[in-house]
Amino acid sequence: MVFDVCGKIAGHAWRRQPPGPAELAFEQFPDPLSPKPGERAERREQLDALSVAIGELTERQREVFVAIALNEIPIDVLAVQLATNRNAIYKNLFDARRNLRARMAAAGHPVGEED
């Protein structure tokens, strides 16, 4: 009964004063997928902390991490470029990730353990 009354009132208001084209413009509706202002600030803090943590890695760890994780260079190619083997690259990458996780957790931004 209450829903019927609400529906009739809404229909009546719609017939008396329908929304204009400006009120129905999709550009005015918020994007449900866009991050909220608080999420943007938190993401910025996380990226700043990650940037500091990457800067604190050893030169070789930073070189390997940036090449593989950020620039998506295959491990075999990187091994040839750095005149080393896959195992050494894996070890540097493992150490870099472990150090980054520890530094991010210390900065208040814990990261999952999945690799």
PDB file of N, CA and C in Angstrom:
ATOM      1  N   MET A   1       0.824  -1.181   0.000  1.00  0.00           N
ATOM      2  CA  MET A   1       0.000   0.000   0.000  1.00  0.00           C
ATOM      3  C   MET A   1       0.876   1.256   0.000  1.00  0.00           C
ATOM      4  N   VAL A   2       1.880   1.282   0.871  1.00  0.00           N
ATOM      5  CA  VAL A   2       2.757   2.447   0.953  1.00  0.00           C
ATOM      6  C   VAL A   2       3.526   2.620  -0.352  1.00  0.00           C
ATOM      7  N   PHE A   3       3.993   1.508  -0.934  1.00  0.00           N
ATOM      8  CA  PHE A   3       4.746   1.586  -2.183  1.00  0.00           C
ATOM      9  C   PHE A   3       3.865   2.084  -3.326  1.00  0.00           C
ATOM     10  N   ASP A   4       2.594   1.688  -3.321  1.00  0.00           N
ATOM     11  CA  ASP A   4       1.663   2.161  -4.352  1.00  0.00           C
ATOM     12  C   ASP A   4       1.489   3.669  -4.271  1.00  0.00           C
ATOM     13  N   VAL A   5       1.333   4.163  -3.056  1.00  0.00           N
ATOM     14  CA  VAL A   5       1.157   5.608  -2.863  1.00  0.00           C
ATOM     15  C   VAL A   5       2.423   6.349  -3.292  1.00  0.00           C
ATOM     16  N   CYS A   6       3.587   5.848  -2.883  1.00  0.00           N
ATOM     17  CA  CYS A   6       4.851   6.503  -3.260  1.00  0.00           C
ATOM     18  C   CYS A   6       5.024   6.508  -4.775  1.00  0.00           C
ATOM     19  N   GLY A   7       4.692   5.387  -5.417  1.00  0.00           N
ATOM     20  CA  GLY A   7       4.797   5.310  -6.870  1.00  0.00           C
ATOM     21  C   GLY A   7       3.879   6.289  -7.569  1.00  0.00           C
ATOM     22  N   LYS A   8       2.655   6.424  -7.072  1.00  0.00           N
ATOM     23  CA  LYS A   8       1.709   7.360  -7.686  1.00  0.00           C
ATOM     24  C   LYS A   8       2.136   8.800  -7.485  1.00  0.00           C
ATOM     25  N   ILE A   9       2.673   9.106  -6.305  1.00  0.00           N
ATOM     26  CA  ILE A   9       3.149  10.479  -6.053  1.00  0.00           C
ATOM     27  C   ILE A   9       4.327  10.798  -6.964  1.00  0.00           C
ATOM     28  N   ALA A  10       5.259   9.866  -7.099  1.00  0.00           N
ATOM     29  CA  ALA A  10       6.416  10.099  -7.970  1.00  0.00           C
ATOM     30  C   ALA A  10       5.959  10.249  -9.418  1.00  0.00           C
ATOM     31  N   GLY A  11       5.027   9.411  -9.865  1.00  0.00           N
ATOM     32  CA  GLY A  11       4.512   9.524 -11.233  1.00  0.00           C
ATOM     33  C   GLY A  11       3.805  10.832 -11.466  1.00  0.00           C
ATOM     34  N   HIS A  12       3.047  11.277 -10.467  1.00  0.00           N
ATOM     35  CA  HIS A  12       2.335  12.550 -10.594  1.00  0.00           C
ATOM     36  C   HIS A  12       3.330  13.712 -10.706  1.00  0.00           C
ATOM     37  N   ALA A  13       4.371  13.690  -9.868  1.00  0.00           N
ATOM     38  CA  ALA A  13       5.370  14.753  -9.927  1.00  0.00           C
ATOM     39  C   ALA A  13       6.094  14.732 -11.265  1.00  0.00           C
ATOM     40  N   TRP A  14       6.327  13.564 -11.810  1.00  0.00           N
ATOM     41  CA  TRP A  14       7.011  13.435 -13.092  1.00  0.00           C
ATOM     42  C   TRP A  14       6.164  14.010 -14.214  1.00  0.00           C
ATOM     43  N   ARG A  15       4.845  13.765 -14.178  1.00  0.00           N
ATOM     44  CA  ARG A  15       3.957  14.282 -15.223  1.00  0.00           C
ATOM     45  C   ARG A  15       3.815  15.794 -15.143  1.00  0.00           C
ATOM     46  N   ARG A  16       3.800  16.333 -13.942  1.00  0.00           N
ATOM     47  CA  ARG A  16       3.613  17.776 -13.786  1.00  0.00           C
ATOM     48  C   ARG A  16       4.864  18.544 -14.160  1.00  0.00           C
ATOM     49  N   GLN A  17       6.026  18.035 -13.823  1.00  0.00           N
ATOM     50  CA  GLN A  17       7.265  18.754 -14.096  1.00  0.00           C
ATOM     51  C   GLN A  17       8.353  17.751 -14.475  1.00  0.00           C
ATOM     52  N   PRO A  18       8.352  17.274 -15.719  1.00  0.00           N
ATOM     53  CA  PRO A  18       9.379  16.312 -16.123  1.00  0.00           C
ATOM     54  C   PRO A  18      10.761  16.974 -16.150  1.00  0.00           C
ATOM     55  N   PRO A  19      11.797  16.195 -15.898  1.00  0.00           N
ATOM     56  CA  PRO A  19      13.144  16.773 -15.916  1.00  0.00           C
ATOM     57  C   PRO A  19      13.524  17.219 -17.319  1.00  0.00           C
ATOM     58  N   GLY A  20      14.290  18.290 -17.377  1.00  0.00           N
ATOM     59  CA  GLY A  20      14.751  18.802 -18.660  1.00  0.00           C
ATOM     60  C   GLY A  20      15.984  18.050 -19.127  1.00  0.00           C
ATOM     61  N   PRO A  21      16.430  18.329 -20.360  1.00  0.00           N
ATOM     62  CA  PRO A  21      17.615  17.636 -20.889  1.00  0.00           C
ATOM     63  C   PRO A  21      18.865  17.866 -20.042  1.00  0.00           C
ATOM     64  N   ALA A  22      19.000  19.050 -19.447  1.00  0.00           N
ATOM     65  CA  ALA A  22      20.183  19.332 -18.627  1.00  0.00           C
ATOM     66  C   ALA A  22      20.197  18.459 -17.375  1.00  0.00           C
ATOM     67  N   GLU A  23      19.020  18.148 -16.842  1.00  0.00           N
ATOM     68  CA  GLU A  23      18.950  17.337 -15.636  1.00  0.00           C
ATOM     69  C   GLU A  23      19.204  15.857 -15.925  1.00  0.00           C
ATOM     70  N   LEU A  24      19.031  15.449 -17.182  1.00  0.00           N
ATOM     71  CA  LEU A  24      19.236  14.059 -17.555  1.00  0.00           C
ATOM     72  C   LEU A  24      20.601  13.817 -18.195  1.00  0.00           C
ATOM     73  N   ALA A  25      21.447  14.835 -18.248  1.00  0.00           N
ATOM     74  CA  ALA A  25      22.765  14.693 -18.871  1.00  0.00           C
ATOM     75  C   ALA A  25      23.630  13.759 -18.033  1.00  0.00           C
ATOM     76  N   PHE A  26      24.179  12.744 -18.688  1.00  0.00           N
ATOM     77  CA  PHE A  26      24.980  11.752 -17.979  1.00  0.00           C
ATOM     78  C   PHE A  26      26.286  12.331 -17.460  1.00  0.00           C
ATOM     79  N   GLU A  27      26.763  13.407 -18.041  1.00  0.00           N
ATOM     80  CA  GLU A  27      28.010  14.009 -17.586  1.00  0.00           C
ATOM     81  C   GLU A  27      27.890  14.538 -16.153  1.00  0.00           C
ATOM     82  N   GLN A  28      26.663  14.819 -15.714  1.00  0.00           N
ATOM     83  CA  GLN A  28      26.467  15.362 -14.377  1.00  0.00           C
ATOM     84  C   GLN A  28      26.479  14.290 -13.298  1.00  0.00           C
ATOM     85  N   PHE A  29      26.254  13.040 -13.681  1.00  0.00           N
ATOM     86  CA  PHE A  29      26.233  11.963 -12.699  1.00  0.00           C
ATOM     87  C   PHE A  29      27.659  11.598 -12.324  1.00  0.00           C
ATOM     88  N   PRO A  30      27.906  11.314 -11.043  1.00  0.00           N
ATOM     89  CA  PRO A  30      29.262  10.915 -10.650  1.00  0.00           C
ATOM     90  C   PRO A  30      29.609   9.552 -11.220  1.00  0.00           C
ATOM     91  N   ASP A  31      30.869   9.381 -11.557  1.00  0.00           N
ATOM     92  CA  ASP A  31      31.355   8.117 -12.091  1.00  0.00           C
ATOM     93  C   ASP A  31      31.543   7.144 -10.926  1.00  0.00           C
ATOM     94  N   PRO A  32      30.791   6.041 -10.904  1.00  0.00           N
ATOM     95  CA  PRO A  32      30.914   5.121  -9.764  1.00  0.00           C
ATOM     96  C   PRO A  32      32.265   4.415  -9.695  1.00  0.00           C
ATOM     97  N   LEU A  33      33.019   4.400 -10.786  1.00  0.00           N
ATOM     98  CA  LEU A  33      34.313   3.727 -10.797  1.00  0.00           C
ATOM     99  C   LEU A  33      35.471   4.650 -10.430  1.00  0.00           C
ATOM    100  N   SER A  34      35.229   5.947 -10.403  1.00  0.00           N
ATOM    101  CA  SER A  34      36.320   6.863 -10.076  1.00  0.00           C
ATOM    102  C   SER A  34      36.591   6.820  -8.577  1.00  0.00           C
ATOM    103  N   PRO A  35      37.865   6.963  -8.195  1.00  0.00           N
ATOM    104  CA  PRO A  35      38.196   6.894  -6.769  1.00  0.00           C
ATOM    105  C   PRO A  35      37.648   8.107  -6.017  1.00  0.00           C
ATOM    106  N   LYS A  36      37.291   7.869  -4.786  1.00  0.00           N
ATOM    107  CA  LYS A  36      36.814   8.942  -3.909  1.00  0.00           C
ATOM    108  C   LYS A  36      38.009   9.803  -3.514  1.00  0.00           C
ATOM    109  N   PRO A  37      37.787  11.051  -3.063  1.00  0.00           N
ATOM    110  CA  PRO A  37      38.918  11.909  -2.685  1.00  0.00           C
ATOM    111  C   PRO A  37      39.822  11.285  -1.629  1.00  0.00           C
ATOM    112  N   GLY A  38      39.244  10.603  -0.645  1.00  0.00           N
ATOM    113  CA  GLY A  38      40.065   9.949   0.381  1.00  0.00           C
ATOM    114  C   GLY A  38      40.910   8.826  -0.197  1.00  0.00           C
ATOM    115  N   GLU A  39      40.340   8.103  -1.161  1.00  0.00           N
ATOM    116  CA  GLU A  39      41.086   7.017  -1.804  1.00  0.00           C
ATOM    117  C   GLU A  39      42.233   7.572  -2.623  1.00  0.00           C
ATOM    118  N   ARG A  40      42.009   8.694  -3.282  1.00  0.00           N
ATOM    119  CA  ARG A  40      43.087   9.323  -4.055  1.00  0.00           C
ATOM    120  C   ARG A  40      44.242   9.727  -3.146  1.00  0.00           C
ATOM    121  N   ALA A  41      43.909  10.333  -2.000  1.00  0.00           N
ATOM    122  CA  ALA A  41      44.949  10.764  -1.066  1.00  0.00           C
ATOM    123  C   ALA A  41      45.715   9.559  -0.529  1.00  0.00           C
ATOM    124  N   GLU A  42      44.994   8.493  -0.201  1.00  0.00           N
ATOM    125  CA  GLU A  42      45.653   7.284   0.309  1.00  0.00           C
ATOM    126  C   GLU A  42      46.541   6.663  -0.755  1.00  0.00           C
ATOM    127  N   ARG A  43      46.068   6.620  -1.994  1.00  0.00           N
ATOM    128  CA  ARG A  43      46.865   6.067  -3.091  1.00  0.00           C
ATOM    129  C   ARG A  43      48.125   6.909  -3.312  1.00  0.00           C
ATOM    130  N   ARG A  44      48.001   8.238  -3.219  1.00  0.00           N
ATOM    131  CA  ARG A  44      49.150   9.126  -3.383  1.00  0.00           C
ATOM    132  C   ARG A  44      50.173   8.870  -2.284  1.00  0.00           C
ATOM    133  N   GLU A  45      49.700   8.697  -1.033  1.00  0.00           N
ATOM    134  CA  GLU A  45      50.610   8.401   0.077  1.00  0.00           C
ATOM    135  C   GLU A  45      51.329   7.071  -0.145  1.00  0.00           C
ATOM    136  N   GLN A  46      50.593   6.074  -0.626  1.00  0.00           N
ATOM    137  CA  GLN A  46      51.202   4.772  -0.895  1.00  0.00           C
ATOM    138  C   GLN A  46      52.263   4.880  -1.978  1.00  0.00           C
ATOM    139  N   LEU A  47      51.960   5.623  -3.042  1.00  0.00           N
ATOM    140  CA  LEU A  47      52.939   5.785  -4.119  1.00  0.00           C
ATOM    141  C   LEU A  47      54.170   6.554  -3.649  1.00  0.00           C
ATOM    142  N   ASP A  48      53.959   7.556  -2.808  1.00  0.00           N
ATOM    143  CA  ASP A  48      55.105   8.292  -2.261  1.00  0.00           C
ATOM    144  C   ASP A  48      55.972   7.386  -1.396  1.00  0.00           C
ATOM    145  N   ALA A  49      55.318   6.561  -0.553  1.00  0.00           N
ATOM    146  CA  ALA A  49      56.067   5.628   0.298  1.00  0.00           C
ATOM    147  C   ALA A  49      56.802   4.600  -0.552  1.00  0.00           C
ATOM    148  N   LEU A  50      56.167   4.128  -1.617  1.00  0.00           N
ATOM    149  CA  LEU A  50      56.812   3.164  -2.508  1.00  0.00           C
ATOM    150  C   LEU A  50      58.005   3.792  -3.213  1.00  0.00           C
ATOM    151  N   SER A  51      57.861   5.028  -3.636  1.00  0.00           N
ATOM    152  CA  SER A  51      58.969   5.726  -4.291  1.00  0.00           C
ATOM    153  C   SER A  51      60.161   5.860  -3.346  1.00  0.00           C
ATOM    154  N   VAL A  52      59.904   6.204  -2.101  1.00  0.00           N
ATOM    155  CA  VAL A  52      60.984   6.311  -1.109  1.00  0.00           C
ATOM    156  C   VAL A  52      61.614   4.944  -0.883  1.00  0.00           C
ATOM    157  N   ALA A  53      60.768   3.902  -0.768  1.00  0.00           N
ATOM    158  CA  ALA A  53      61.276   2.545  -0.530  1.00  0.00           C
ATOM    159  C   ALA A  53      62.124   2.056  -1.698  1.00  0.00           C
ATOM    160  N   ILE A  54      61.707   2.342  -2.919  1.00  0.00           N
ATOM    161  CA  ILE A  54      62.503   1.948  -4.088  1.00  0.00           C
ATOM    162  C   ILE A  54      63.848   2.676  -4.073  1.00  0.00           C
ATOM    163  N   GLY A  55      63.842   3.937  -3.666  1.00  0.00           N
ATOM    164  CA  GLY A  55      65.077   4.696  -3.585  1.00  0.00           C
ATOM    165  C   GLY A  55      66.051   4.164  -2.546  1.00  0.00           C
ATOM    166  N   GLU A  56      65.546   3.422  -1.552  1.00  0.00           N
ATOM    167  CA  GLU A  56      66.392   2.880  -0.493  1.00  0.00           C
ATOM    168  C   GLU A  56      66.945   1.484  -0.811  1.00  0.00           C
ATOM    169  N   LEU A  57      66.544   0.912  -1.948  1.00  0.00           N
ATOM    170  CA  LEU A  57      67.084  -0.388  -2.359  1.00  0.00           C
ATOM    171  C   LEU A  57      68.538  -0.222  -2.786  1.00  0.00           C
ATOM    172  N   THR A  58      69.259  -1.329  -2.819  1.00  0.00           N
ATOM    173  CA  THR A  58      70.607  -1.258  -3.373  1.00  0.00           C
ATOM    174  C   THR A  58      70.487  -0.928  -4.862  1.00  0.00           C
ATOM    175  N   GLU A  59      71.586  -0.460  -5.429  1.00  0.00           N
ATOM    176  CA  GLU A  59      71.544  -0.067  -6.842  1.00  0.00           C
ATOM    177  C   GLU A  59      71.134  -1.239  -7.742  1.00  0.00           C
ATOM    178  N   ARG A  60      71.692  -2.421  -7.466  1.00  0.00           N
ATOM    179  CA  ARG A  60      71.382  -3.597  -8.300  1.00  0.00           C
ATOM    180  C   ARG A  60      69.927  -4.040  -8.104  1.00  0.00           C
ATOM    181  N   GLN A  61      69.447  -4.050  -6.853  1.00  0.00           N
ATOM    182  CA  GLN A  61      68.052  -4.412  -6.598  1.00  0.00           C
ATOM    183  C   GLN A  61      67.094  -3.455  -7.299  1.00  0.00           C
ATOM    184  N   ARG A  62      67.409  -2.170  -7.216  1.00  0.00           N
ATOM    185  CA  ARG A  62      66.560  -1.159  -7.857  1.00  0.00           C
ATOM    186  C   ARG A  62      66.561  -1.352  -9.370  1.00  0.00           C
ATOM    187  N   GLU A  63      67.749  -1.602  -9.932  1.00  0.00           N
ATOM    188  CA  GLU A  63      67.866  -1.801 -11.375  1.00  0.00           C
ATOM    189  C   GLU A  63      67.040  -3.008 -11.831  1.00  0.00           C
ATOM    190  N   VAL A  64      67.144  -4.110 -11.097  1.00  0.00           N
ATOM    191  CA  VAL A  64      66.405  -5.328 -11.449  1.00  0.00           C
ATOM    192  C   VAL A  64      64.915  -5.131 -11.242  1.00  0.00           C
ATOM    193  N   PHE A  65      64.516  -4.556 -10.115  1.00  0.00           N
ATOM    194  CA  PHE A  65      63.092  -4.364  -9.826  1.00  0.00           C
ATOM    195  C   PHE A  65      62.435  -3.454 -10.858  1.00  0.00           C
ATOM    196  N   VAL A  66      63.055  -2.337 -11.157  1.00  0.00           N
ATOM    197  CA  VAL A  66      62.480  -1.403 -12.126  1.00  0.00           C
ATOM    198  C   VAL A  66      62.388  -2.051 -13.508  1.00  0.00           C
ATOM    199  N   ALA A  67      63.417  -2.773 -13.899  1.00  0.00           N
ATOM    200  CA  ALA A  67      63.420  -3.409 -15.218  1.00  0.00           C
ATOM    201  C   ALA A  67      62.316  -4.456 -15.335  1.00  0.00           C
ATOM    202  N   ILE A  68      62.176  -5.307 -14.327  1.00  0.00           N
ATOM    203  CA  ILE A  68      61.225  -6.409 -14.419  1.00  0.00           C
ATOM    204  C   ILE A  68      59.813  -5.983 -14.041  1.00  0.00           C
ATOM    205  N   ALA A  69      59.657  -5.358 -12.875  1.00  0.00           N
ATOM    206  CA  ALA A  69      58.317  -5.051 -12.374  1.00  0.00           C
ATOM    207  C   ALA A  69      57.681  -3.846 -13.064  1.00  0.00           C
ATOM    208  N   LEU A  70      58.465  -2.852 -13.380  1.00  0.00           N
ATOM    209  CA  LEU A  70      57.884  -1.635 -13.959  1.00  0.00           C
ATOM    210  C   LEU A  70      57.994  -1.580 -15.478  1.00  0.00           C
ATOM    211  N   ASN A  71      59.147  -1.983 -16.018  1.00  0.00           N
ATOM    212  CA  ASN A  71      59.344  -1.910 -17.462  1.00  0.00           C
ATOM    213  C   ASN A  71      59.039  -3.219 -18.181  1.00  0.00           C
ATOM    214  N   GLU A  72      58.713  -4.262 -17.411  1.00  0.00           N
ATOM    215  CA  GLU A  72      58.304  -5.561 -17.949  1.00  0.00           C
ATOM    216  C   GLU A  72      59.323  -6.185 -18.906  1.00  0.00           C
ATOM    217  N   ILE A  73      60.585  -6.039 -18.579  1.00  0.00           N
ATOM    218  CA  ILE A  73      61.643  -6.676 -19.364  1.00  0.00           C
ATOM    219  C   ILE A  73      61.720  -8.139 -18.932  1.00  0.00           C
ATOM    220  N   PRO A  74      61.724  -9.082 -19.856  1.00  0.00           N
ATOM    221  CA  PRO A  74      61.825 -10.496 -19.476  1.00  0.00           C
ATOM    222  C   PRO A  74      63.135 -10.777 -18.732  1.00  0.00           C
ATOM    223  N   ILE A  75      63.075 -11.723 -17.816  1.00  0.00           N
ATOM    224  CA  ILE A  75      64.241 -12.044 -16.987  1.00  0.00           C
ATOM    225  C   ILE A  75      65.422 -12.508 -17.831  1.00  0.00           C
ATOM    226  N   ASP A  76      65.164 -13.316 -18.848  1.00  0.00           N
ATOM    227  CA  ASP A  76      66.259 -13.792 -19.694  1.00  0.00           C
ATOM    228  C   ASP A  76      66.960 -12.641 -20.408  1.00  0.00           C
ATOM    229  N   VAL A  77      66.191 -11.696 -20.897  1.00  0.00           N
ATOM    230  CA  VAL A  77      66.769 -10.533 -21.583  1.00  0.00           C
ATOM    231  C   VAL A  77      67.580  -9.700 -20.610  1.00  0.00           C
ATOM    232  N   LEU A  78      67.036  -9.499 -19.413  1.00  0.00           N
ATOM    233  CA  LEU A  78      67.755  -8.712 -18.410  1.00  0.00           C
ATOM    234  C   LEU A  78      69.049  -9.408 -17.990  1.00  0.00           C
ATOM    235  N   ALA A  79      69.002 -10.717 -17.885  1.00  0.00           N
ATOM    236  CA  ALA A  79      70.208 -11.463 -17.518  1.00  0.00           C
ATOM    237  C   ALA A  79      71.308 -11.254 -18.558  1.00  0.00           C
ATOM    238  N   VAL A  80      70.951 -11.262 -19.826  1.00  0.00           N
ATOM    239  CA  VAL A  80      71.939 -11.034 -20.890  1.00  0.00           C
ATOM    240  C   VAL A  80      72.456  -9.594 -20.817  1.00  0.00           C
ATOM    241  N   GLN A  81      71.547  -8.631 -20.615  1.00  0.00           N
ATOM    242  CA  GLN A  81      71.950  -7.221 -20.548  1.00  0.00           C
ATOM    243  C   GLN A  81      72.905  -6.952 -19.391  1.00  0.00           C
ATOM    244  N   LEU A  82      72.660  -7.626 -18.255  1.00  0.00           N
ATOM    245  CA  LEU A  82      73.483  -7.383 -17.072  1.00  0.00           C
ATOM    246  C   LEU A  82      74.652  -8.362 -16.953  1.00  0.00           C
ATOM    247  N   ALA A  83      74.826  -9.213 -17.955  1.00  0.00           N
ATOM    248  CA  ALA A  83      75.921 -10.199 -17.986  1.00  0.00           C
ATOM    249  C   ALA A  83      75.919 -11.065 -16.732  1.00  0.00           C
ATOM    250  N   THR A  84      74.748 -11.618 -16.424  1.00  0.00           N
ATOM    251  CA  THR A  84      74.601 -12.497 -15.268  1.00  0.00           C
ATOM    252  C   THR A  84      73.669 -13.634 -15.643  1.00  0.00           C
ATOM    253  N   ASN A  85      73.203 -14.399 -14.664  1.00  0.00           N
ATOM    254  CA  ASN A  85      72.302 -15.511 -14.973  1.00  0.00           C
ATOM    255  C   ASN A  85      70.928 -15.283 -14.334  1.00  0.00           C
ATOM    256  N   ARG A  86      69.984 -16.150 -14.704  1.00  0.00           N
ATOM    257  CA  ARG A  86      68.604 -16.025 -14.207  1.00  0.00           C
ATOM    258  C   ARG A  86      68.535 -16.116 -12.686  1.00  0.00           C
ATOM    259  N   ASN A  87      69.319 -17.013 -12.099  1.00  0.00           N
ATOM    260  CA  ASN A  87      69.261 -17.193 -10.652  1.00  0.00           C
ATOM    261  C   ASN A  87      69.657 -15.926  -9.908  1.00  0.00           C
ATOM    262  N   ALA A  88      70.683 -15.247 -10.391  1.00  0.00           N
ATOM    263  CA  ALA A  88      71.104 -13.998  -9.751  1.00  0.00           C
ATOM    264  C   ALA A  88      70.017 -12.936  -9.872  1.00  0.00           C
ATOM    265  N   ILE A  89      69.349 -12.888 -11.030  1.00  0.00           N
ATOM    266  CA  ILE A  89      68.257 -11.928 -11.233  1.00  0.00           C
ATOM    267  C   ILE A  89      67.106 -12.245 -10.278  1.00  0.00           C
ATOM    268  N   TYR A  90      66.735 -13.529 -10.189  1.00  0.00           N
ATOM    269  CA  TYR A  90      65.669 -13.940  -9.270  1.00  0.00           C
ATOM    270  C   TYR A  90      65.997 -13.564  -7.832  1.00  0.00           C
ATOM    271  N   LYS A  91      67.237 -13.795  -7.422  1.00  0.00           N
ATOM    272  CA  LYS A  91      67.652 -13.473  -6.057  1.00  0.00           C
ATOM    273  C   LYS A  91      67.563 -11.977  -5.799  1.00  0.00           C
ATOM    274  N   ASN A  92      68.027 -11.155  -6.738  1.00  0.00           N
ATOM    275  CA  ASN A  92      67.922  -9.699  -6.576  1.00  0.00           C
ATOM    276  C   ASN A  92      66.467  -9.255  -6.514  1.00  0.00           C
ATOM    277  N   LEU A  93      65.635  -9.833  -7.362  1.00  0.00           N
ATOM    278  CA  LEU A  93      64.213  -9.479  -7.370  1.00  0.00           C
ATOM    279  C   LEU A  93      63.538  -9.904  -6.070  1.00  0.00           C
ATOM    280  N   PHE A  94      63.860 -11.099  -5.585  1.00  0.00           N
ATOM    281  CA  PHE A  94      63.297 -11.587  -4.329  1.00  0.00           C
ATOM    282  C   PHE A  94      63.682 -10.662  -3.175  1.00  0.00           C
ATOM    283  N   ASP A  95      64.961 -10.306  -3.100  1.00  0.00           N
ATOM    284  CA  ASP A  95      65.429  -9.417  -2.033  1.00  0.00           C
ATOM    285  C   ASP A  95      64.785  -8.039  -2.134  1.00  0.00           C
ATOM    286  N   ALA A  96      64.647  -7.532  -3.347  1.00  0.00           N
ATOM    287  CA  ALA A  96      64.030  -6.218  -3.542  1.00  0.00           C
ATOM    288  C   ALA A  96      62.575  -6.234  -3.074  1.00  0.00           C
ATOM    289  N   ARG A  97      61.833  -7.265  -3.456  1.00  0.00           N
ATOM    290  CA  ARG A  97      60.425  -7.351  -3.035  1.00  0.00           C
ATOM    291  C   ARG A  97      60.301  -7.483  -1.524  1.00  0.00           C
ATOM    292  N   ARG A  98      61.158  -8.296  -0.932  1.00  0.00           N
ATOM    293  CA  ARG A  98      61.126  -8.467   0.527  1.00  0.00           C
ATOM    294  C   ARG A  98      61.406  -7.135   1.222  1.00  0.00           C
ATOM    295  N   ASN A  99      62.426  -6.410   0.738  1.00  0.00           N
ATOM    296  CA  ASN A  99      62.750  -5.107   1.325  1.00  0.00           C
ATOM    297  C   ASN A  99      61.617  -4.102   1.120  1.00  0.00           C
ATOM    298  N   LEU A 100      61.011  -4.110  -0.056  1.00  0.00           N
ATOM    299  CA  LEU A 100      59.907  -3.178  -0.318  1.00  0.00           C
ATOM    300  C   LEU A 100      58.719  -3.480   0.592  1.00  0.00           C
ATOM    301  N   ARG A 101      58.394  -4.771   0.749  1.00  0.00           N
ATOM    302  CA  ARG A 101      57.281  -5.134   1.639  1.00  0.00           C
ATOM    303  C   ARG A 101      57.549  -4.658   3.062  1.00  0.00           C
ATOM    304  N   ALA A 102      58.777  -4.874   3.546  1.00  0.00           N
ATOM    305  CA  ALA A 102      59.127  -4.469   4.909  1.00  0.00           C
ATOM    306  C   ALA A 102      59.055  -2.956   5.067  1.00  0.00           C
ATOM    307  N   ARG A 103      59.565  -2.235   4.096  1.00  0.00           N
ATOM    308  CA  ARG A 103      59.550  -0.767   4.191  1.00  0.00           C
ATOM    309  C   ARG A 103      58.137  -0.204   4.070  1.00  0.00           C
ATOM    310  N   MET A 104      57.316  -0.824   3.217  1.00  0.00           N
ATOM    311  CA  MET A 104      55.921  -0.370   3.083  1.00  0.00           C
ATOM    312  C   MET A 104      55.146  -0.647   4.372  1.00  0.00           C
ATOM    313  N   ALA A 105      55.382  -1.791   4.983  1.00  0.00           N
ATOM    314  CA  ALA A 105      54.713  -2.113   6.247  1.00  0.00           C
ATOM    315  C   ALA A 105      55.163  -1.149   7.341  1.00  0.00           C
ATOM    316  N   ALA A 106      56.445  -0.826   7.362  1.00  0.00           N
ATOM    317  CA  ALA A 106      56.960   0.110   8.359  1.00  0.00           C
ATOM    318  C   ALA A 106      56.369   1.512   8.158  1.00  0.00           C
ATOM    319  N   ALA A 107      56.040   1.838   6.912  1.00  0.00           N
ATOM    320  CA  ALA A 107      55.461   3.161   6.625  1.00  0.00           C
ATOM    321  C   ALA A 107      53.948   3.166   6.837  1.00  0.00           C
ATOM    322  N   GLY A 108      53.395   2.011   7.244  1.00  0.00           N
ATOM    323  CA  GLY A 108      51.952   1.952   7.497  1.00  0.00           C
ATOM    324  C   GLY A 108      51.124   1.527   6.319  1.00  0.00           C
ATOM    325  N   HIS A 109      51.761   0.959   5.305  1.00  0.00           N
ATOM    326  CA  HIS A 109      51.069   0.493   4.106  1.00  0.00           C
ATOM    327  C   HIS A 109      51.431  -0.970   3.857  1.00  0.00           C
ATOM    328  N   PRO A 110      50.869  -1.901   4.657  1.00  0.00           N
ATOM    329  CA  PRO A 110      51.224  -3.304   4.461  1.00  0.00           C
ATOM    330  C   PRO A 110      50.805  -3.816   3.085  1.00  0.00           C
ATOM    331  N   VAL A 111      51.622  -4.695   2.538  1.00  0.00           N
ATOM    332  CA  VAL A 111      51.394  -5.271   1.214  1.00  0.00           C
ATOM    333  C   VAL A 111      51.229  -6.767   1.376  1.00  0.00           C
ATOM    334  N   GLY A 112      50.374  -7.374   0.545  1.00  0.00           N
ATOM    335  CA  GLY A 112      50.157  -8.822   0.597  1.00  0.00           C
ATOM    336  C   GLY A 112      51.414  -9.588   0.289  1.00  0.00           C
ATOM    337  N   GLU A 113      51.417 -10.852   0.643  1.00  0.00           N
ATOM    338  CA  GLU A 113      52.588 -11.703   0.474  1.00  0.00           C
ATOM    339  C   GLU A 113      52.632 -12.431  -0.858  1.00  0.00           C
ATOM    340  N   GLU A 114      51.609 -12.294  -1.722  1.00  0.00           N
ATOM    341  CA  GLU A 114      51.597 -13.063  -2.961  1.00  0.00           C
ATOM    342  C   GLU A 114      52.681 -12.587  -3.913  1.00  0.00           C
ATOM    343  N   ASP A 115      53.270 -13.535  -4.621  1.00  0.00           N
ATOM    344  CA  ASP A 115      54.325 -13.226  -5.605  1.00  0.00           C
ATOM    345  C   ASP A 115      53.917 -13.749  -6.934  1.00  0.00           C
TER     346      ASP A 115
END
